[in-house]
Amino acid sequence: KGSAAEAILASVAIPPAFAPVKRER
């Protein structure tokens, strides 16, 4: 649940290519 865009961006955030996505804490 919650923002679909944030969830997708978090799941594809391959280190070190992408920065982690902050979601709540």
mmCIF file of all heavy atoms, coordinates in Angstrom:
data_MODEL
# 
_entry.id   MODEL 
# 
loop_
_atom_site.group_PDB 
_atom_site.id 
_atom_site.type_symbol 
_atom_site.label_atom_id 
_atom_site.label_alt_id 
_atom_site.label_comp_id 
_atom_site.label_asym_id 
_atom_site.label_entity_id 
_atom_site.label_seq_id 
_atom_site.pdbx_PDB_ins_code 
_atom_site.Cartn_x 
_atom_site.Cartn_y 
_atom_site.Cartn_z 
_atom_site.occupancy 
_atom_site.B_iso_or_equiv 
_atom_site.pdbx_formal_charge 
_atom_site.auth_seq_id 
_atom_site.auth_comp_id 
_atom_site.auth_asym_id 
_atom_site.auth_atom_id 
_atom_site.pdbx_PDB_model_num 
ATOM 1   N N   . LYS A 1 1  ? 0.847  -1.188 0.000   1.00 0.00 ? 1  LYS A N   1 
ATOM 2   C CA  . LYS A 1 1  ? 0.000  0.000  0.000   1.00 0.00 ? 1  LYS A CA  1 
ATOM 3   C C   . LYS A 1 1  ? 0.884  1.240  0.000   1.00 0.00 ? 1  LYS A C   1 
ATOM 4   O O   . LYS A 1 1  ? 2.090  1.167  0.229   1.00 0.00 ? 1  LYS A O   1 
ATOM 5   C CB  . LYS A 1 1  ? -0.938 0.009  1.204   1.00 0.00 ? 1  LYS A CB  1 
ATOM 6   C CG  . LYS A 1 1  ? -0.245 -0.005 2.551   1.00 0.00 ? 1  LYS A CG  1 
ATOM 7   C CD  . LYS A 1 1  ? -1.259 -0.048 3.679   1.00 0.00 ? 1  LYS A CD  1 
ATOM 8   C CE  . LYS A 1 1  ? -0.554 -0.045 5.043   1.00 0.00 ? 1  LYS A CE  1 
ATOM 9   N NZ  . LYS A 1 1  ? -1.535 -0.073 6.155   1.00 0.00 ? 1  LYS A NZ  1 
ATOM 10  N N   . GLY A 1 2  ? 0.257  2.384  -0.251  1.00 0.00 ? 2  GLY A N   1 
ATOM 11  C CA  . GLY A 1 2  ? 1.019  3.621  -0.334  1.00 0.00 ? 2  GLY A CA  1 
ATOM 12  C C   . GLY A 1 2  ? 1.460  3.898  -1.764  1.00 0.00 ? 2  GLY A C   1 
ATOM 13  O O   . GLY A 1 2  ? 1.051  3.220  -2.709  1.00 0.00 ? 2  GLY A O   1 
ATOM 14  N N   . SER A 1 3  ? 2.318  4.893  -1.926  1.00 0.00 ? 3  SER A N   1 
ATOM 15  C CA  . SER A 1 3  ? 2.744  5.357  -3.244  1.00 0.00 ? 3  SER A CA  1 
ATOM 16  C C   . SER A 1 3  ? 3.337  4.233  -4.096  1.00 0.00 ? 3  SER A C   1 
ATOM 17  O O   . SER A 1 3  ? 4.340  3.617  -3.717  1.00 0.00 ? 3  SER A O   1 
ATOM 18  C CB  . SER A 1 3  ? 3.777  6.475  -3.086  1.00 0.00 ? 3  SER A CB  1 
ATOM 19  O OG  . SER A 1 3  ? 4.372  6.770  -4.327  1.00 0.00 ? 3  SER A OG  1 
ATOM 20  N N   . ALA A 1 4  ? 2.718  3.987  -5.245  1.00 0.00 ? 4  ALA A N   1 
ATOM 21  C CA  . ALA A 1 4  ? 3.219  2.957  -6.149  1.00 0.00 ? 4  ALA A CA  1 
ATOM 22  C C   . ALA A 1 4  ? 4.564  3.370  -6.747  1.00 0.00 ? 4  ALA A C   1 
ATOM 23  O O   . ALA A 1 4  ? 5.481  2.554  -6.874  1.00 0.00 ? 4  ALA A O   1 
ATOM 24  C CB  . ALA A 1 4  ? 2.199  2.695  -7.250  1.00 0.00 ? 4  ALA A CB  1 
ATOM 25  N N   . ALA A 1 5  ? 4.698  4.648  -7.107  1.00 0.00 ? 5  ALA A N   1 
ATOM 26  C CA  . ALA A 1 5  ? 5.941  5.126  -7.703  1.00 0.00 ? 5  ALA A CA  1 
ATOM 27  C C   . ALA A 1 5  ? 7.112  4.958  -6.744  1.00 0.00 ? 5  ALA A C   1 
ATOM 28  O O   . ALA A 1 5  ? 8.185  4.500  -7.123  1.00 0.00 ? 5  ALA A O   1 
ATOM 29  C CB  . ALA A 1 5  ? 5.795  6.586  -8.122  1.00 0.00 ? 5  ALA A CB  1 
ATOM 30  N N   . GLU A 1 6  ? 6.912  5.331  -5.480  1.00 0.00 ? 6  GLU A N   1 
ATOM 31  C CA  . GLU A 1 6  ? 7.979  5.184  -4.488  1.00 0.00 ? 6  GLU A CA  1 
ATOM 32  C C   . GLU A 1 6  ? 8.358  3.717  -4.298  1.00 0.00 ? 6  GLU A C   1 
ATOM 33  O O   . GLU A 1 6  ? 9.540  3.381  -4.161  1.00 0.00 ? 6  GLU A O   1 
ATOM 34  C CB  . GLU A 1 6  ? 7.545  5.783  -3.150  1.00 0.00 ? 6  GLU A CB  1 
ATOM 35  C CG  . GLU A 1 6  ? 7.604  7.291  -3.094  1.00 0.00 ? 6  GLU A CG  1 
ATOM 36  C CD  . GLU A 1 6  ? 7.337  7.817  -1.697  1.00 0.00 ? 6  GLU A CD  1 
ATOM 37  O OE1 . GLU A 1 6  ? 7.215  6.992  -0.757  1.00 0.00 ? 6  GLU A OE1 1 
ATOM 38  O OE2 . GLU A 1 6  ? 7.246  9.047  -1.535  1.00 0.00 ? 6  GLU A OE2 1 
ATOM 39  N N   . ALA A 1 7  ? 7.358  2.846  -4.283  1.00 0.00 ? 7  ALA A N   1 
ATOM 40  C CA  . ALA A 1 7  ? 7.632  1.424  -4.099  1.00 0.00 ? 7  ALA A CA  1 
ATOM 41  C C   . ALA A 1 7  ? 8.450  0.874  -5.262  1.00 0.00 ? 7  ALA A C   1 
ATOM 42  O O   . ALA A 1 7  ? 9.423  0.132  -5.057  1.00 0.00 ? 7  ALA A O   1 
ATOM 43  C CB  . ALA A 1 7  ? 6.317  0.661  -3.962  1.00 0.00 ? 7  ALA A CB  1 
ATOM 44  N N   . ILE A 1 8  ? 8.074  1.224  -6.484  1.00 0.00 ? 8  ILE A N   1 
ATOM 45  C CA  . ILE A 1 8  ? 8.805  0.745  -7.653  1.00 0.00 ? 8  ILE A CA  1 
ATOM 46  C C   . ILE A 1 8  ? 10.228 1.289  -7.660  1.00 0.00 ? 8  ILE A C   1 
ATOM 47  O O   . ILE A 1 8  ? 11.196 0.550  -7.878  1.00 0.00 ? 8  ILE A O   1 
ATOM 48  C CB  . ILE A 1 8  ? 8.067  1.145  -8.947  1.00 0.00 ? 8  ILE A CB  1 
ATOM 49  C CG1 . ILE A 1 8  ? 6.712  0.443  -9.034  1.00 0.00 ? 8  ILE A CG1 1 
ATOM 50  C CG2 . ILE A 1 8  ? 8.918  0.810  -10.180 1.00 0.00 ? 8  ILE A CG2 1 
ATOM 51  C CD1 . ILE A 1 8  ? 5.804  1.000  -10.115 1.00 0.00 ? 8  ILE A CD1 1 
ATOM 52  N N   . LEU A 1 9  ? 10.378 2.595  -7.399  1.00 0.00 ? 9  LEU A N   1 
ATOM 53  C CA  . LEU A 1 9  ? 11.714 3.201  -7.393  1.00 0.00 ? 9  LEU A CA  1 
ATOM 54  C C   . LEU A 1 9  ? 12.597 2.593  -6.317  1.00 0.00 ? 9  LEU A C   1 
ATOM 55  O O   . LEU A 1 9  ? 13.807 2.426  -6.519  1.00 0.00 ? 9  LEU A O   1 
ATOM 56  C CB  . LEU A 1 9  ? 11.601 4.714  -7.192  1.00 0.00 ? 9  LEU A CB  1 
ATOM 57  C CG  . LEU A 1 9  ? 10.995 5.497  -8.357  1.00 0.00 ? 9  LEU A CG  1 
ATOM 58  C CD1 . LEU A 1 9  ? 10.807 6.962  -7.983  1.00 0.00 ? 9  LEU A CD1 1 
ATOM 59  C CD2 . LEU A 1 9  ? 11.864 5.378  -9.603  1.00 0.00 ? 9  LEU A CD2 1 
ATOM 60  N N   . ALA A 1 10 ? 12.007 2.235  -5.182  1.00 0.00 ? 10 ALA A N   1 
ATOM 61  C CA  . ALA A 1 10 ? 12.783 1.577  -4.126  1.00 0.00 ? 10 ALA A CA  1 
ATOM 62  C C   . ALA A 1 10 ? 13.239 0.201  -4.585  1.00 0.00 ? 10 ALA A C   1 
ATOM 63  O O   . ALA A 1 10 ? 14.402 -0.183 -4.407  1.00 0.00 ? 10 ALA A O   1 
ATOM 64  C CB  . ALA A 1 10 ? 11.944 1.466  -2.856  1.00 0.00 ? 10 ALA A CB  1 
ATOM 65  N N   . SER A 1 11 ? 12.338 -0.548 -5.206  1.00 0.00 ? 11 SER A N   1 
ATOM 66  C CA  . SER A 1 11 ? 12.654 -1.917 -5.598  1.00 0.00 ? 11 SER A CA  1 
ATOM 67  C C   . SER A 1 11 ? 13.701 -1.995 -6.697  1.00 0.00 ? 11 SER A C   1 
ATOM 68  O O   . SER A 1 11 ? 14.418 -2.985 -6.806  1.00 0.00 ? 11 SER A O   1 
ATOM 69  C CB  . SER A 1 11 ? 11.378 -2.633 -6.046  1.00 0.00 ? 11 SER A CB  1 
ATOM 70  O OG  . SER A 1 11 ? 11.605 -4.015 -6.207  1.00 0.00 ? 11 SER A OG  1 
ATOM 71  N N   . VAL A 1 12 ? 13.797 -0.946 -7.537  1.00 0.00 ? 12 VAL A N   1 
ATOM 72  C CA  . VAL A 1 12 ? 14.780 -0.957 -8.627  1.00 0.00 ? 12 VAL A CA  1 
ATOM 73  C C   . VAL A 1 12 ? 16.060 -0.209 -8.271  1.00 0.00 ? 12 VAL A C   1 
ATOM 74  O O   . VAL A 1 12 ? 16.959 -0.090 -9.112  1.00 0.00 ? 12 VAL A O   1 
ATOM 75  C CB  . VAL A 1 12 ? 14.182 -0.344 -9.921  1.00 0.00 ? 12 VAL A CB  1 
ATOM 76  C CG1 . VAL A 1 12 ? 12.927 -1.074 -10.345 1.00 0.00 ? 12 VAL A CG1 1 
ATOM 77  C CG2 . VAL A 1 12 ? 13.912 1.150  -9.768  1.00 0.00 ? 12 VAL A CG2 1 
ATOM 78  N N   . ALA A 1 13 ? 16.181 0.267  -7.033  1.00 0.00 ? 13 ALA A N   1 
ATOM 79  C CA  . ALA A 1 13 ? 17.339 1.084  -6.636  1.00 0.00 ? 13 ALA A CA  1 
ATOM 80  C C   . ALA A 1 13 ? 18.573 0.209  -6.413  1.00 0.00 ? 13 ALA A C   1 
ATOM 81  O O   . ALA A 1 13 ? 18.947 -0.116 -5.284  1.00 0.00 ? 13 ALA A O   1 
ATOM 82  C CB  . ALA A 1 13 ? 17.008 1.885  -5.380  1.00 0.00 ? 13 ALA A CB  1 
ATOM 83  N N   . ILE A 1 14 ? 19.217 -0.157 -7.514  1.00 0.00 ? 14 ILE A N   1 
ATOM 84  C CA  . ILE A 1 14 ? 20.384 -1.033 -7.476  1.00 0.00 ? 14 ILE A CA  1 
ATOM 85  C C   . ILE A 1 14 ? 21.591 -0.254 -6.962  1.00 0.00 ? 14 ILE A C   1 
ATOM 86  O O   . ILE A 1 14 ? 21.993 0.738  -7.574  1.00 0.00 ? 14 ILE A O   1 
ATOM 87  C CB  . ILE A 1 14 ? 20.709 -1.565 -8.888  1.00 0.00 ? 14 ILE A CB  1 
ATOM 88  C CG1 . ILE A 1 14 ? 19.481 -2.208 -9.521  1.00 0.00 ? 14 ILE A CG1 1 
ATOM 89  C CG2 . ILE A 1 14 ? 21.877 -2.542 -8.846  1.00 0.00 ? 14 ILE A CG2 1 
ATOM 90  C CD1 . ILE A 1 14 ? 19.623 -2.419 -11.012 1.00 0.00 ? 14 ILE A CD1 1 
ATOM 91  N N   . PRO A 1 15 ? 22.200 -0.675 -5.839  1.00 0.00 ? 15 PRO A N   1 
ATOM 92  C CA  . PRO A 1 15 ? 23.422 0.000  -5.404  1.00 0.00 ? 15 PRO A CA  1 
ATOM 93  C C   . PRO A 1 15 ? 24.579 -0.399 -6.335  1.00 0.00 ? 15 PRO A C   1 
ATOM 94  O O   . PRO A 1 15 ? 24.640 -1.550 -6.752  1.00 0.00 ? 15 PRO A O   1 
ATOM 95  C CB  . PRO A 1 15 ? 23.650 -0.551 -3.996  1.00 0.00 ? 15 PRO A CB  1 
ATOM 96  C CG  . PRO A 1 15 ? 22.371 -1.254 -3.624  1.00 0.00 ? 15 PRO A CG  1 
ATOM 97  C CD  . PRO A 1 15 ? 21.737 -1.683 -4.897  1.00 0.00 ? 15 PRO A CD  1 
ATOM 98  N N   . PRO A 1 16 ? 25.512 0.486  -6.644  1.00 0.00 ? 16 PRO A N   1 
ATOM 99  C CA  . PRO A 1 16 ? 25.549 1.917  -6.316  1.00 0.00 ? 16 PRO A CA  1 
ATOM 100 C C   . PRO A 1 16 ? 24.965 2.802  -7.418  1.00 0.00 ? 16 PRO A C   1 
ATOM 101 O O   . PRO A 1 16 ? 25.213 4.005  -7.423  1.00 0.00 ? 16 PRO A O   1 
ATOM 102 C CB  . PRO A 1 16 ? 27.042 2.163  -6.183  1.00 0.00 ? 16 PRO A CB  1 
ATOM 103 C CG  . PRO A 1 16 ? 27.637 1.288  -7.260  1.00 0.00 ? 16 PRO A CG  1 
ATOM 104 C CD  . PRO A 1 16 ? 26.760 0.055  -7.315  1.00 0.00 ? 16 PRO A CD  1 
ATOM 105 N N   . ALA A 1 17 ? 24.204 2.202  -8.338  1.00 0.00 ? 17 ALA A N   1 
ATOM 106 C CA  . ALA A 1 17 ? 23.663 3.009  -9.433  1.00 0.00 ? 17 ALA A CA  1 
ATOM 107 C C   . ALA A 1 17 ? 22.673 4.047  -8.925  1.00 0.00 ? 17 ALA A C   1 
ATOM 108 O O   . ALA A 1 17 ? 22.710 5.204  -9.343  1.00 0.00 ? 17 ALA A O   1 
ATOM 109 C CB  . ALA A 1 17 ? 22.990 2.095  -10.458 1.00 0.00 ? 17 ALA A CB  1 
ATOM 110 N N   . PHE A 1 18 ? 21.770 3.639  -7.999  1.00 0.00 ? 18 PHE A N   1 
ATOM 111 C CA  . PHE A 1 18 ? 20.736 4.532  -7.503  1.00 0.00 ? 18 PHE A CA  1 
ATOM 112 C C   . PHE A 1 18 ? 20.829 4.716  -5.996  1.00 0.00 ? 18 PHE A C   1 
ATOM 113 O O   . PHE A 1 18 ? 21.233 3.795  -5.272  1.00 0.00 ? 18 PHE A O   1 
ATOM 114 C CB  . PHE A 1 18 ? 19.340 3.985  -7.830  1.00 0.00 ? 18 PHE A CB  1 
ATOM 115 C CG  . PHE A 1 18 ? 19.052 3.875  -9.301  1.00 0.00 ? 18 PHE A CG  1 
ATOM 116 C CD1 . PHE A 1 18 ? 19.042 2.643  -9.928  1.00 0.00 ? 18 PHE A CD1 1 
ATOM 117 C CD2 . PHE A 1 18 ? 18.783 5.005  -10.054 1.00 0.00 ? 18 PHE A CD2 1 
ATOM 118 C CE1 . PHE A 1 18 ? 18.772 2.538  -11.279 1.00 0.00 ? 18 PHE A CE1 1 
ATOM 119 C CE2 . PHE A 1 18 ? 18.511 4.911  -11.405 1.00 0.00 ? 18 PHE A CE2 1 
ATOM 120 C CZ  . PHE A 1 18 ? 18.509 3.674  -12.021 1.00 0.00 ? 18 PHE A CZ  1 
ATOM 121 N N   . ALA A 1 19 ? 20.410 5.879  -5.543  1.00 0.00 ? 19 ALA A N   1 
ATOM 122 C CA  . ALA A 1 19 ? 20.339 6.140  -4.105  1.00 0.00 ? 19 ALA A CA  1 
ATOM 123 C C   . ALA A 1 19 ? 19.149 5.388  -3.514  1.00 0.00 ? 19 ALA A C   1 
ATOM 124 O O   . ALA A 1 19 ? 18.141 5.182  -4.180  1.00 0.00 ? 19 ALA A O   1 
ATOM 125 C CB  . ALA A 1 19 ? 20.163 7.635  -3.851  1.00 0.00 ? 19 ALA A CB  1 
ATOM 126 N N   . PRO A 1 20 ? 19.249 4.946  -2.254  1.00 0.00 ? 20 PRO A N   1 
ATOM 127 C CA  . PRO A 1 20 ? 18.094 4.332  -1.598  1.00 0.00 ? 20 PRO A CA  1 
ATOM 128 C C   . PRO A 1 20 ? 16.929 5.315  -1.525  1.00 0.00 ? 20 PRO A C   1 
ATOM 129 O O   . PRO A 1 20 ? 17.124 6.537  -1.542  1.00 0.00 ? 20 PRO A O   1 
ATOM 130 C CB  . PRO A 1 20 ? 18.620 3.996  -0.199  1.00 0.00 ? 20 PRO A CB  1 
ATOM 131 C CG  . PRO A 1 20 ? 20.100 4.004  -0.307  1.00 0.00 ? 20 PRO A CG  1 
ATOM 132 C CD  . PRO A 1 20 ? 20.431 4.994  -1.380  1.00 0.00 ? 20 PRO A CD  1 
ATOM 133 N N   . VAL A 1 21 ? 15.733 4.787  -1.466  1.00 0.00 ? 21 VAL A N   1 
ATOM 134 C CA  . VAL A 1 21 ? 14.521 5.600  -1.349  1.00 0.00 ? 21 VAL A CA  1 
ATOM 135 C C   . VAL A 1 21 ? 14.089 5.623  0.109   1.00 0.00 ? 21 VAL A C   1 
ATOM 136 O O   . VAL A 1 21 ? 13.920 4.573  0.728   1.00 0.00 ? 21 VAL A O   1 
ATOM 137 C CB  . VAL A 1 21 ? 13.386 5.027  -2.225  1.00 0.00 ? 21 VAL A CB  1 
ATOM 138 C CG1 . VAL A 1 21 ? 12.081 5.780  -1.980  1.00 0.00 ? 21 VAL A CG1 1 
ATOM 139 C CG2 . VAL A 1 21 ? 13.782 5.090  -3.698  1.00 0.00 ? 21 VAL A CG2 1 
ATOM 140 N N   . LYS A 1 22 ? 13.923 6.820  0.660   1.00 0.00 ? 22 LYS A N   1 
ATOM 141 C CA  . LYS A 1 22 ? 13.483 6.926  2.044   1.00 0.00 ? 22 LYS A CA  1 
ATOM 142 C C   . LYS A 1 22 ? 11.967 6.837  2.100   1.00 0.00 ? 22 LYS A C   1 
ATOM 143 O O   . LYS A 1 22 ? 11.262 7.600  1.442   1.00 0.00 ? 22 LYS A O   1 
ATOM 144 C CB  . LYS A 1 22 ? 13.959 8.240  2.676   1.00 0.00 ? 22 LYS A CB  1 
ATOM 145 C CG  . LYS A 1 22 ? 13.675 8.304  4.179   1.00 0.00 ? 22 LYS A CG  1 
ATOM 146 C CD  . LYS A 1 22 ? 14.243 9.560  4.809   1.00 0.00 ? 22 LYS A CD  1 
ATOM 147 C CE  . LYS A 1 22 ? 13.979 9.573  6.320   1.00 0.00 ? 22 LYS A CE  1 
ATOM 148 N NZ  . LYS A 1 22 ? 14.498 10.808 6.951   1.00 0.00 ? 22 LYS A NZ  1 
ATOM 149 N N   . ARG A 1 23 ? 11.473 5.905  2.857   1.00 0.00 ? 23 ARG A N   1 
ATOM 150 C CA  . ARG A 1 23 ? 10.028 5.717  3.011   1.00 0.00 ? 23 ARG A CA  1 
ATOM 151 C C   . ARG A 1 23 ? 9.758  5.553  4.493   1.00 0.00 ? 23 ARG A C   1 
ATOM 152 O O   . ARG A 1 23 ? 10.168 4.580  5.101   1.00 0.00 ? 23 ARG A O   1 
ATOM 153 C CB  . ARG A 1 23 ? 9.564  4.495  2.233   1.00 0.00 ? 23 ARG A CB  1 
ATOM 154 C CG  . ARG A 1 23 ? 8.049  4.288  2.276   1.00 0.00 ? 23 ARG A CG  1 
ATOM 155 C CD  . ARG A 1 23 ? 7.617  3.407  1.143   1.00 0.00 ? 23 ARG A CD  1 
ATOM 156 N NE  . ARG A 1 23 ? 6.233  2.990  1.263   1.00 0.00 ? 23 ARG A NE  1 
ATOM 157 C CZ  . ARG A 1 23 ? 5.404  2.842  0.259   1.00 0.00 ? 23 ARG A CZ  1 
ATOM 158 N NH1 . ARG A 1 23 ? 5.808  3.105  -0.963  1.00 0.00 ? 23 ARG A NH1 1 
ATOM 159 N NH2 . ARG A 1 23 ? 4.172  2.425  0.440   1.00 0.00 ? 23 ARG A NH2 1 
ATOM 160 N N   . GLU A 1 24 ? 9.076  6.534  5.062   1.00 0.00 ? 24 GLU A N   1 
ATOM 161 C CA  . GLU A 1 24 ? 8.892  6.625  6.514   1.00 0.00 ? 24 GLU A CA  1 
ATOM 162 C C   . GLU A 1 24 ? 10.275 6.620  7.165   1.00 0.00 ? 24 GLU A C   1 
ATOM 163 O O   . GLU A 1 24 ? 11.086 7.475  6.876   1.00 0.00 ? 24 GLU A O   1 
ATOM 164 C CB  . GLU A 1 24 ? 7.980  5.497  7.003   1.00 0.00 ? 24 GLU A CB  1 
ATOM 165 C CG  . GLU A 1 24 ? 6.568  5.578  6.412   1.00 0.00 ? 24 GLU A CG  1 
ATOM 166 C CD  . GLU A 1 24 ? 5.681  4.439  6.825   1.00 0.00 ? 24 GLU A CD  1 
ATOM 167 O OE1 . GLU A 1 24 ? 6.152  3.476  7.467   1.00 0.00 ? 24 GLU A OE1 1 
ATOM 168 O OE2 . GLU A 1 24 ? 4.470  4.501  6.488   1.00 0.00 ? 24 GLU A OE2 1 
ATOM 169 N N   . ARG A 1 25 ? 10.595 5.641  7.999   1.00 0.00 ? 25 ARG A N   1 
ATOM 170 C CA  . ARG A 1 25 ? 11.906 5.631  8.658   1.00 0.00 ? 25 ARG A CA  1 
ATOM 171 C C   . ARG A 1 25 ? 12.884 4.657  8.018   1.00 0.00 ? 25 ARG A C   1 
ATOM 172 O O   . ARG A 1 25 ? 13.970 4.413  8.541   1.00 0.00 ? 25 ARG A O   1 
ATOM 173 C CB  . ARG A 1 25 ? 11.736 5.272  10.139  1.00 0.00 ? 25 ARG A CB  1 
ATOM 174 C CG  . ARG A 1 25 ? 10.926 6.299  10.927  1.00 0.00 ? 25 ARG A CG  1 
ATOM 175 C CD  . ARG A 1 25 ? 10.883 5.949  12.389  1.00 0.00 ? 25 ARG A CD  1 
ATOM 176 N NE  . ARG A 1 25 ? 10.142 6.948  13.167  1.00 0.00 ? 25 ARG A NE  1 
ATOM 177 C CZ  . ARG A 1 25 ? 9.978  6.894  14.484  1.00 0.00 ? 25 ARG A CZ  1 
ATOM 178 N NH1 . ARG A 1 25 ? 10.500 5.878  15.168  1.00 0.00 ? 25 ARG A NH1 1 
ATOM 179 N NH2 . ARG A 1 25 ? 9.293  7.842  15.104  1.00 0.00 ? 25 ARG A NH2 1 
# 
